[in-house]
Protein backbone atom coordinates (compact mmCIF):
# COMPACT_ATOMS: atom_id res chain seq x y z
CA UNK A 1 38.90 -76.18 -21.30
CA UNK A 2 41.59 -73.37 -20.99
CA UNK A 3 44.80 -74.66 -19.30
CA UNK A 4 44.67 -78.25 -20.92
CA UNK A 5 47.76 -77.58 -22.95
CA UNK A 6 50.81 -78.00 -20.98
CA UNK A 7 54.78 -77.87 -21.88
CA UNK A 8 56.53 -80.88 -22.01
CA UNK A 9 60.36 -81.09 -21.35
CA UNK A 10 62.19 -83.82 -23.29
CA UNK A 11 65.53 -85.24 -22.37
CA UNK A 12 67.80 -86.32 -25.33
CA UNK A 13 70.16 -89.15 -25.15
CA UNK A 14 73.20 -86.76 -25.10
CA UNK A 15 71.99 -84.63 -22.18
CA UNK A 16 70.29 -82.03 -24.25
CA UNK A 17 66.91 -80.58 -22.98
CA UNK A 18 64.16 -79.74 -25.64
CA UNK A 19 60.72 -78.34 -25.05
CA UNK A 20 57.52 -78.67 -26.85
CA UNK A 21 53.66 -78.24 -26.19
CA UNK A 22 51.42 -81.40 -25.64
CA UNK A 23 47.79 -81.73 -25.56
CA UNK A 24 45.62 -83.20 -22.31
CA UNK A 25 45.97 -86.50 -24.09
CA UNK A 26 49.63 -86.25 -24.06
CA UNK A 27 49.95 -86.03 -27.95
CA UNK A 28 52.26 -83.39 -29.50
CA UNK A 29 50.86 -80.42 -31.06
CA UNK A 30 52.36 -80.67 -34.60
CA UNK A 31 52.18 -76.95 -35.31
CA UNK A 32 53.89 -75.93 -32.00
CA UNK A 33 56.56 -78.84 -32.03
CA UNK A 34 57.60 -78.11 -35.68
CA UNK A 35 58.31 -74.44 -34.77
CA UNK A 36 59.88 -75.22 -31.58
CA UNK A 37 62.26 -77.57 -33.63
CA UNK A 38 63.66 -74.58 -35.47
CA UNK A 39 64.54 -72.71 -32.33
CA UNK A 40 67.99 -72.40 -30.89
CA UNK A 41 68.73 -74.08 -27.41
CA UNK A 42 67.50 -71.90 -24.67
CA UNK A 43 65.18 -69.98 -27.04
CA UNK A 44 62.97 -73.13 -27.36
CA UNK A 45 61.98 -72.99 -23.65
CA UNK A 46 60.92 -69.49 -23.36
CA UNK A 47 58.93 -69.73 -26.87
CA UNK A 48 57.35 -72.80 -25.53
CA UNK A 49 55.76 -71.32 -22.70
CA UNK A 50 54.84 -68.30 -24.80
CA UNK A 51 52.86 -70.44 -27.41
CA UNK A 52 51.14 -72.55 -24.81
CA UNK A 53 49.53 -69.31 -23.38
CA UNK A 54 48.64 -68.40 -26.88
CA UNK A 55 47.33 -71.40 -27.70
CA UNK A 56 45.21 -71.65 -24.62
CA UNK A 57 44.08 -68.06 -25.54
CA UNK A 58 43.02 -69.25 -29.27
CA UNK A 59 40.94 -72.06 -27.38
CA UNK A 60 39.54 -69.36 -25.03
CA UNK A 61 38.50 -67.14 -27.79
CA UNK A 62 36.98 -69.95 -30.00
CA UNK A 63 39.83 -69.54 -32.64
CA UNK A 64 42.51 -71.65 -34.34
CA UNK A 65 45.72 -71.00 -36.31
CA UNK A 66 43.98 -71.09 -39.64
CA UNK A 67 41.22 -68.38 -38.74
CA UNK A 68 43.07 -65.84 -36.40
CA UNK A 69 43.90 -62.23 -37.76
CA UNK A 70 46.30 -59.74 -37.07
CA UNK A 71 43.64 -57.83 -35.07
CA UNK A 72 43.11 -60.72 -33.02
CA UNK A 73 46.92 -61.21 -32.32
CA UNK A 74 46.87 -57.57 -31.25
CA UNK A 75 44.17 -58.33 -28.72
CA UNK A 76 46.24 -61.35 -27.57
CA UNK A 77 49.22 -59.24 -26.96
CA UNK A 78 47.14 -56.56 -25.13
CA UNK A 79 45.78 -59.28 -22.82
CA UNK A 80 49.23 -60.49 -22.10
CA UNK A 81 50.43 -57.43 -21.01
CA UNK A 82 47.46 -55.67 -19.63
CA UNK A 83 47.34 -54.32 -16.08
CA UNK A 84 43.44 -54.38 -16.16
CA UNK A 85 40.95 -56.88 -17.06
CA UNK A 86 41.23 -57.86 -20.70
CA UNK A 87 38.63 -57.61 -23.61
CA UNK A 88 37.01 -61.08 -22.46
CA UNK A 89 35.72 -59.42 -19.06
CA UNK A 90 38.53 -60.77 -16.77
CA UNK A 91 42.23 -60.81 -16.49
CA UNK A 92 44.06 -63.18 -18.90
CA UNK A 93 46.67 -65.57 -17.35
CA UNK A 94 44.55 -65.23 -14.12
CA UNK A 95 46.90 -65.32 -10.94
CA UNK A 96 49.82 -64.51 -12.76
CA UNK A 97 51.47 -61.14 -13.23
CA UNK A 98 51.13 -59.24 -16.84
CA UNK A 99 54.12 -59.68 -19.15
CA UNK A 100 56.79 -56.83 -18.79
CA UNK A 101 58.15 -55.04 -21.81
CA UNK A 102 61.02 -57.52 -22.55
CA UNK A 103 58.58 -60.33 -22.26
CA UNK A 104 56.20 -58.75 -24.62
CA UNK A 105 58.95 -58.29 -27.22
CA UNK A 106 60.01 -61.85 -26.92
CA UNK A 107 56.28 -63.05 -27.08
CA UNK A 108 55.80 -60.55 -30.27
CA UNK A 109 58.82 -62.18 -31.99
CA UNK A 110 57.79 -65.80 -31.21
CA UNK A 111 54.18 -65.22 -32.55
CA UNK A 112 55.49 -63.60 -35.76
CA UNK A 113 58.03 -66.48 -36.26
CA UNK A 114 55.33 -68.99 -35.56
CA UNK A 115 52.63 -67.70 -38.06
CA UNK A 116 55.45 -67.04 -40.41
CA UNK A 117 56.32 -70.70 -40.53
CA UNK A 118 52.71 -71.64 -40.77
CA UNK A 119 52.27 -69.56 -43.84
CA UNK A 120 54.93 -71.20 -45.57
CA UNK A 121 52.93 -74.57 -44.72
CA UNK A 122 49.86 -73.14 -46.49
CA UNK A 123 48.18 -72.38 -43.23
CA UNK A 124 46.75 -68.81 -42.87
CA UNK A 125 48.77 -67.25 -45.69
CA UNK A 126 46.74 -63.88 -45.12
CA UNK A 127 48.15 -63.31 -41.68
CA UNK A 128 51.61 -64.35 -42.73
CA UNK A 129 51.49 -61.80 -45.49
CA UNK A 130 50.42 -58.99 -42.72
CA UNK A 131 53.20 -60.02 -40.62
CA UNK A 132 55.89 -59.21 -43.23
CA UNK A 133 56.09 -55.60 -42.91
CA UNK A 134 59.27 -53.68 -43.02
CA UNK A 135 60.64 -50.17 -41.72
CA UNK A 136 63.28 -47.79 -42.79
CA UNK A 137 66.64 -48.61 -41.22
CA UNK A 138 68.22 -46.69 -38.39
CA UNK A 139 71.76 -45.51 -38.22
CA UNK A 140 72.25 -48.46 -35.70
CA UNK A 141 71.23 -50.86 -38.38
CA UNK A 142 73.46 -49.60 -40.97
CA UNK A 143 76.42 -49.55 -38.46
CA UNK A 144 75.54 -53.27 -37.65
CA UNK A 145 74.95 -54.60 -41.26
CA UNK A 146 77.55 -55.44 -43.85
CA UNK A 147 77.33 -52.98 -46.61
CA UNK A 148 74.78 -51.15 -44.44
CA UNK A 149 74.96 -47.88 -46.64
CA UNK A 150 72.90 -49.86 -49.11
CA UNK A 151 70.21 -50.66 -46.92
CA UNK A 152 66.46 -49.68 -47.84
CA UNK A 153 64.50 -51.70 -45.55
CA UNK A 154 64.43 -53.79 -42.26
CA UNK A 155 61.93 -56.37 -41.13
CA UNK A 156 59.49 -55.01 -38.61
CA UNK A 157 57.04 -56.52 -36.17
CA UNK A 158 53.58 -55.25 -36.10
CA UNK A 159 52.93 -57.02 -32.71
CA UNK A 160 55.88 -55.63 -30.99
CA UNK A 161 55.24 -52.91 -28.02
CA UNK A 162 56.41 -49.61 -28.70
CA UNK A 163 60.40 -49.19 -27.89
CA UNK A 164 61.33 -47.79 -24.52
CA UNK A 165 63.86 -45.36 -24.98
CA UNK A 166 65.64 -45.64 -21.52
CA UNK A 167 65.43 -48.18 -18.71
CA UNK A 168 66.73 -47.23 -15.18
CA UNK A 169 68.55 -50.33 -13.78
CA UNK A 170 67.72 -51.57 -10.30
CA UNK A 171 71.08 -50.82 -8.28
CA UNK A 172 72.09 -52.47 -5.08
CA UNK A 173 71.21 -50.71 -1.81
CA UNK A 174 74.09 -48.57 -0.53
CA UNK A 175 76.37 -50.77 1.52
CA UNK A 176 74.73 -53.98 0.45
CA UNK A 177 77.86 -55.86 -0.48
CA UNK A 178 79.48 -55.49 2.97
CA UNK A 179 76.30 -56.19 4.83
CA UNK A 180 75.69 -59.55 2.78
CA UNK A 181 79.13 -60.59 3.15
CA UNK A 182 78.73 -60.13 6.66
CA UNK A 183 75.67 -61.82 6.79
CA UNK A 184 77.05 -64.76 4.76
CA UNK A 185 77.28 -68.00 6.85
CA UNK A 186 79.88 -69.77 4.83
CA UNK A 187 82.81 -69.46 2.36
CA UNK A 188 80.63 -70.66 -0.57
CA UNK A 189 78.22 -67.69 0.27
CA UNK A 190 80.92 -65.26 0.38
CA UNK A 191 82.30 -66.39 -2.99
CA UNK A 192 78.90 -66.01 -4.65
CA UNK A 193 78.40 -62.42 -3.26
CA UNK A 194 81.96 -61.46 -4.40
CA UNK A 195 81.87 -63.00 -7.71
CA UNK A 196 78.33 -61.34 -8.37
CA UNK A 197 79.81 -58.03 -7.20
CA UNK A 198 83.17 -57.89 -8.97
CA UNK A 199 82.42 -59.81 -12.05
CA UNK A 200 79.05 -58.71 -12.97
CA UNK A 201 77.68 -62.49 -13.66
CA UNK A 202 74.11 -63.54 -14.49
CA UNK A 203 73.01 -65.93 -12.32
CA UNK A 204 72.76 -68.50 -15.17
CA UNK A 205 76.47 -67.77 -15.95
CA UNK A 206 77.40 -68.22 -12.26
CA UNK A 207 75.63 -71.42 -11.65
CA UNK A 208 76.72 -72.65 -14.91
CA UNK A 209 80.58 -72.46 -14.43
CA UNK A 210 82.60 -75.59 -14.28
CA UNK A 211 85.88 -75.91 -12.70
CA UNK A 212 87.57 -76.22 -16.13
CA UNK A 213 86.24 -72.89 -17.07
CA UNK A 214 88.40 -71.02 -14.28
CA UNK A 215 91.82 -69.86 -15.27
CA UNK A 216 92.70 -68.09 -12.14
CA UNK A 217 96.40 -67.50 -12.55
CA UNK A 218 98.92 -65.27 -14.83
CA UNK A 219 99.38 -66.54 -18.66
CA UNK A 220 96.94 -69.45 -18.46
CA UNK A 221 97.37 -72.09 -20.96
CA UNK A 222 94.36 -70.73 -23.32
CA UNK A 223 96.34 -67.74 -24.11
CA UNK A 224 93.62 -65.43 -24.63
CA UNK A 225 94.03 -63.17 -21.43
CA UNK A 226 97.17 -62.55 -19.43
CA UNK A 227 95.53 -61.92 -16.16
CA UNK A 228 93.30 -64.54 -14.10
CA UNK A 229 90.09 -64.80 -15.93
CA UNK A 230 87.02 -66.92 -16.56
CA UNK A 231 85.66 -68.51 -19.81
CA UNK A 232 81.78 -68.37 -19.69
CA UNK A 233 80.56 -71.29 -21.94
CA UNK A 234 77.24 -72.12 -23.18
CA UNK A 235 76.32 -75.92 -22.59
CA UNK A 236 73.49 -77.92 -22.86
CA UNK A 237 74.37 -81.01 -21.12
CA UNK A 238 75.28 -79.05 -17.53
CA UNK A 239 74.16 -81.31 -14.52
CA UNK A 240 71.84 -78.49 -13.25
CA UNK A 241 70.68 -77.46 -16.91
CA UNK A 242 71.85 -73.93 -16.22
CA UNK A 243 72.52 -72.00 -19.50
CA UNK A 244 74.37 -68.92 -20.51
CA UNK A 245 72.55 -66.46 -22.47
CA UNK A 246 75.21 -65.55 -24.74
CA UNK A 247 76.11 -68.47 -27.02
CA UNK A 248 79.73 -67.42 -27.88
CA UNK A 249 81.57 -70.45 -29.36
CA UNK A 250 84.22 -72.10 -27.35
CA UNK A 251 86.19 -75.30 -27.76
CA UNK A 252 88.26 -77.69 -25.74
CA UNK A 253 91.77 -77.61 -27.15
CA UNK A 254 95.29 -78.93 -25.46
CA UNK A 255 93.38 -79.63 -22.18
CA UNK A 256 92.09 -76.16 -21.94
CA UNK A 257 88.78 -74.31 -22.62
CA UNK A 258 89.12 -71.41 -25.15
CA UNK A 259 86.63 -69.11 -26.38
CA UNK A 260 83.31 -68.42 -24.88
CA UNK A 261 82.87 -65.07 -23.08
CA UNK A 262 86.06 -64.01 -21.26
CA UNK A 263 85.69 -62.29 -18.14
CA UNK A 264 88.20 -60.83 -15.71
CA UNK A 265 88.72 -62.16 -12.13
CA UNK A 266 89.41 -59.80 -9.41
CA UNK A 267 91.97 -60.66 -6.31
CA UNK A 268 88.91 -60.95 -4.04
CA UNK A 269 87.29 -63.29 -6.51
CA UNK A 270 90.54 -65.52 -6.46
CA UNK A 271 90.81 -65.38 -2.78
CA UNK A 272 87.11 -66.51 -2.15
CA UNK A 273 87.18 -69.18 -4.45
CA UNK A 274 90.34 -70.71 -3.06
CA UNK A 275 88.85 -70.18 0.64
CA UNK A 276 85.81 -72.16 -0.79
CA UNK A 277 87.62 -74.96 -2.61
CA UNK A 278 90.00 -75.68 0.19
CA UNK A 279 87.24 -75.73 3.07
CA UNK A 280 84.05 -76.58 1.66
CA UNK A 281 84.20 -78.09 -1.90
CA UNK A 282 83.26 -81.96 -1.43
CA UNK A 283 85.68 -84.30 -2.77
CA UNK A 284 85.19 -86.73 -5.52
CA UNK A 285 82.45 -84.76 -7.26
CA UNK A 286 82.13 -86.17 -10.90
CA UNK A 287 79.98 -83.55 -12.49
CA UNK A 288 82.74 -80.60 -12.07
CA UNK A 289 80.42 -77.89 -11.59
CA UNK A 290 81.62 -75.01 -9.54
CA UNK A 291 78.70 -74.15 -7.12
CA UNK A 292 77.19 -77.17 -5.17
CA UNK A 293 75.08 -78.10 -2.37
CA UNK A 294 76.91 -78.37 1.07
CA UNK A 295 74.34 -79.95 3.19
CA UNK A 296 71.66 -82.78 3.57
CA UNK A 297 70.88 -85.38 0.97
CA UNK A 298 71.98 -83.19 -2.07
CA UNK A 299 75.50 -82.69 -0.72
CA UNK A 300 77.62 -82.30 -3.62
CA UNK A 301 74.98 -81.69 -6.37
CA UNK A 302 75.04 -78.65 -8.38
CA UNK A 303 72.84 -75.71 -7.58
CA UNK A 304 70.01 -75.49 -10.10
CA UNK A 305 69.01 -72.32 -11.68
CA UNK A 306 65.33 -73.62 -11.44
CA UNK A 307 65.50 -73.79 -7.61
CA UNK A 308 66.89 -70.20 -7.56
CA UNK A 309 64.25 -68.69 -9.96
CA UNK A 310 61.65 -70.31 -7.61
CA UNK A 311 62.84 -68.37 -4.68
CA UNK A 312 63.31 -64.97 -6.73
CA UNK A 313 59.55 -63.95 -6.16
CA UNK A 314 59.39 -64.61 -2.42
CA UNK A 315 59.30 -61.64 -0.07
CA UNK A 316 62.50 -61.05 2.11
CA UNK A 317 60.49 -61.43 5.14
CA UNK A 318 59.67 -65.09 4.28
CA UNK A 319 63.05 -65.73 3.46
CA UNK A 320 64.48 -66.26 6.91
CA UNK A 321 64.58 -70.12 6.52
CA UNK A 322 67.08 -72.72 7.10
CA UNK A 323 70.64 -71.12 6.66
CA UNK A 324 71.87 -73.71 4.33
CA UNK A 325 68.79 -74.41 2.09
CA UNK A 326 68.88 -72.95 -1.34
CA UNK A 327 71.36 -71.46 -3.85
CA UNK A 328 72.00 -68.18 -5.47
CA UNK A 329 69.10 -65.93 -4.88
CA UNK A 330 67.77 -67.58 -1.92
CA UNK A 331 70.79 -67.03 -0.04
CA UNK A 332 71.15 -63.46 -1.04
CA UNK A 333 67.51 -62.91 0.01
CA UNK A 334 67.91 -64.41 3.58
CA UNK A 335 71.10 -62.63 4.14
CA UNK A 336 69.32 -59.42 2.96
CA UNK A 337 66.84 -60.16 5.44
CA UNK A 338 69.07 -60.60 8.34
CA UNK A 339 70.95 -57.65 7.30
CA UNK A 340 67.83 -55.45 6.98
CA UNK A 341 68.80 -54.06 3.55
CA UNK A 342 65.53 -55.08 1.76
CA UNK A 343 64.97 -57.29 -1.19
CA UNK A 344 68.31 -57.91 -3.15
CA UNK A 345 68.35 -59.97 -6.61
CA UNK A 346 71.50 -61.06 -8.34
CA UNK A 347 70.88 -58.88 -11.39
CA UNK A 348 71.28 -55.78 -9.28
CA UNK A 349 74.60 -56.75 -8.78
CA UNK A 350 75.22 -56.76 -12.64
CA UNK A 351 73.64 -53.43 -12.77
CA UNK A 352 75.76 -51.91 -10.14
CA UNK A 353 78.98 -53.46 -11.79
CA UNK A 354 78.14 -52.01 -15.28
CA UNK A 355 77.55 -48.73 -13.72
CA UNK A 356 80.57 -48.80 -11.64
CA UNK A 357 82.89 -49.73 -14.68
CA UNK A 358 81.27 -47.04 -16.88
CA UNK A 359 82.11 -44.30 -14.55
CA UNK A 360 85.60 -45.58 -13.94
CA UNK A 361 86.04 -45.80 -17.77
CA UNK A 362 84.95 -42.09 -17.92
CA UNK A 363 81.90 -43.25 -20.03
CA UNK A 364 83.64 -45.54 -22.48
CA UNK A 365 81.07 -47.86 -23.37
CA UNK A 366 83.31 -50.36 -25.32
CA UNK A 367 85.34 -51.19 -21.98
CA UNK A 368 82.14 -51.62 -20.05
CA UNK A 369 80.86 -53.94 -22.75
CA UNK A 370 83.93 -56.03 -22.58
CA UNK A 371 84.06 -56.00 -18.88
CA UNK A 372 80.59 -57.26 -18.46
CA UNK A 373 80.21 -59.49 -21.79
CA UNK A 374 77.33 -57.35 -23.25
CA UNK A 375 76.73 -57.91 -27.19
CA UNK A 376 76.45 -54.25 -27.81
CA UNK A 377 77.73 -51.02 -26.59
CA UNK A 378 74.74 -49.52 -27.54
CA UNK A 379 73.02 -51.42 -24.97
CA UNK A 380 75.40 -50.26 -22.30
CA UNK A 381 74.96 -46.65 -23.39
CA UNK A 382 71.09 -46.99 -23.53
CA UNK A 383 70.64 -48.48 -20.05
CA UNK A 384 73.52 -47.25 -17.91
CA UNK A 385 74.75 -44.23 -19.59
CA UNK A 386 73.13 -41.92 -17.31
CA UNK A 387 74.61 -38.49 -16.16
CA UNK A 388 74.63 -37.52 -12.44
CA UNK A 389 73.04 -34.17 -12.43
CA UNK A 390 74.92 -33.45 -9.25
CA UNK A 391 78.21 -34.10 -11.06
CA UNK A 392 80.54 -31.15 -10.74
CA UNK A 393 81.39 -31.73 -14.49
CA UNK A 394 77.71 -31.52 -15.40
CA UNK A 395 77.07 -28.34 -13.31
CA UNK A 396 80.22 -26.62 -14.62
CA UNK A 397 79.18 -27.39 -18.39
CA UNK A 398 75.57 -25.93 -17.78
CA UNK A 399 77.06 -22.74 -15.97
CA UNK A 400 79.24 -22.25 -19.09
CA UNK A 401 76.34 -22.50 -21.33
CA UNK A 402 74.33 -20.04 -19.18
CA UNK A 403 77.12 -17.95 -18.80
CA UNK A 404 77.29 -17.95 -14.97
CA UNK A 405 80.67 -19.66 -14.43
CA UNK A 406 82.93 -17.88 -12.23
């Protein structure tokens, strides 16, 4: 029966959350569980859902981990990313959208790691050998690697989709920030809009902030930044289970947070923070999270990213519900519906922030990388480094080449 496998969340005694795959009789699948235990925190959740889809597909196709071939895995990847009925006569993952390009890359990495581990245990060694392919190193590989000039090969993944040369970021609609601030119903909502716009936060980073992470004054005790700033720290024991994508090391030293990803804070961010803290933040909250619910039985409880993601896929027309119902994305989308600016998602703020910083820095991707906390300047250049074809500098350069410049 397709769908009998499911992902099981496990909460450890120290607050950490792990994920595994269980069968219909609630027994662990040893192959999947052993692989997921080797994955980093955060990665195990994503890989668990990829694996449960794959293992359901194996049963649907009458295969198992010992008999599946590389060509079978390619069929599986095609079914996950297909925009049309798959090779079995019906759409795989019925009722769900196909994987996008980034999700397909993650699925390919998960399946390769899963079967390589099985190969070390003596299960389907021929498939493991077929997955051990290599490619020639690129210039970027040589720059990143220690002693890159002696590199001869790099590992490759035969299941991965073809690389996309350039993605076009989804920007905020014109005037969205001002309209959202006007439509925001309380100080907390105005703070969320301002911090997303001026800080370029991911929604997990914003929901995962604690009060101790905020050093909103000059020359803070951490000594890592002269101006007001924020430390974005990956934690596994957040009360709302919010996780930060980039796991930069951090420590608690001399009653101050040090390390993590340091993000500068604007005057507007500081102003909206103090407005929120002094007028709406509930007293005697033990969890120390920054963003909390302000109404109802959950008053004082931190906003959860799970609730925010649940509202991400709703249409803007359906978001005109209670004004104080849900965190992050729900508030943005209700405010967007009231302001008649269309669908707005938190990550659009990050795209707009990156583009604005890159323009202000005259194309310096290193500055944009540090401002937004990206791991690589190459990512900033590839995604956000677009030239405006109507820019006078661009036009003047072409006219000089053409010989038509006055």
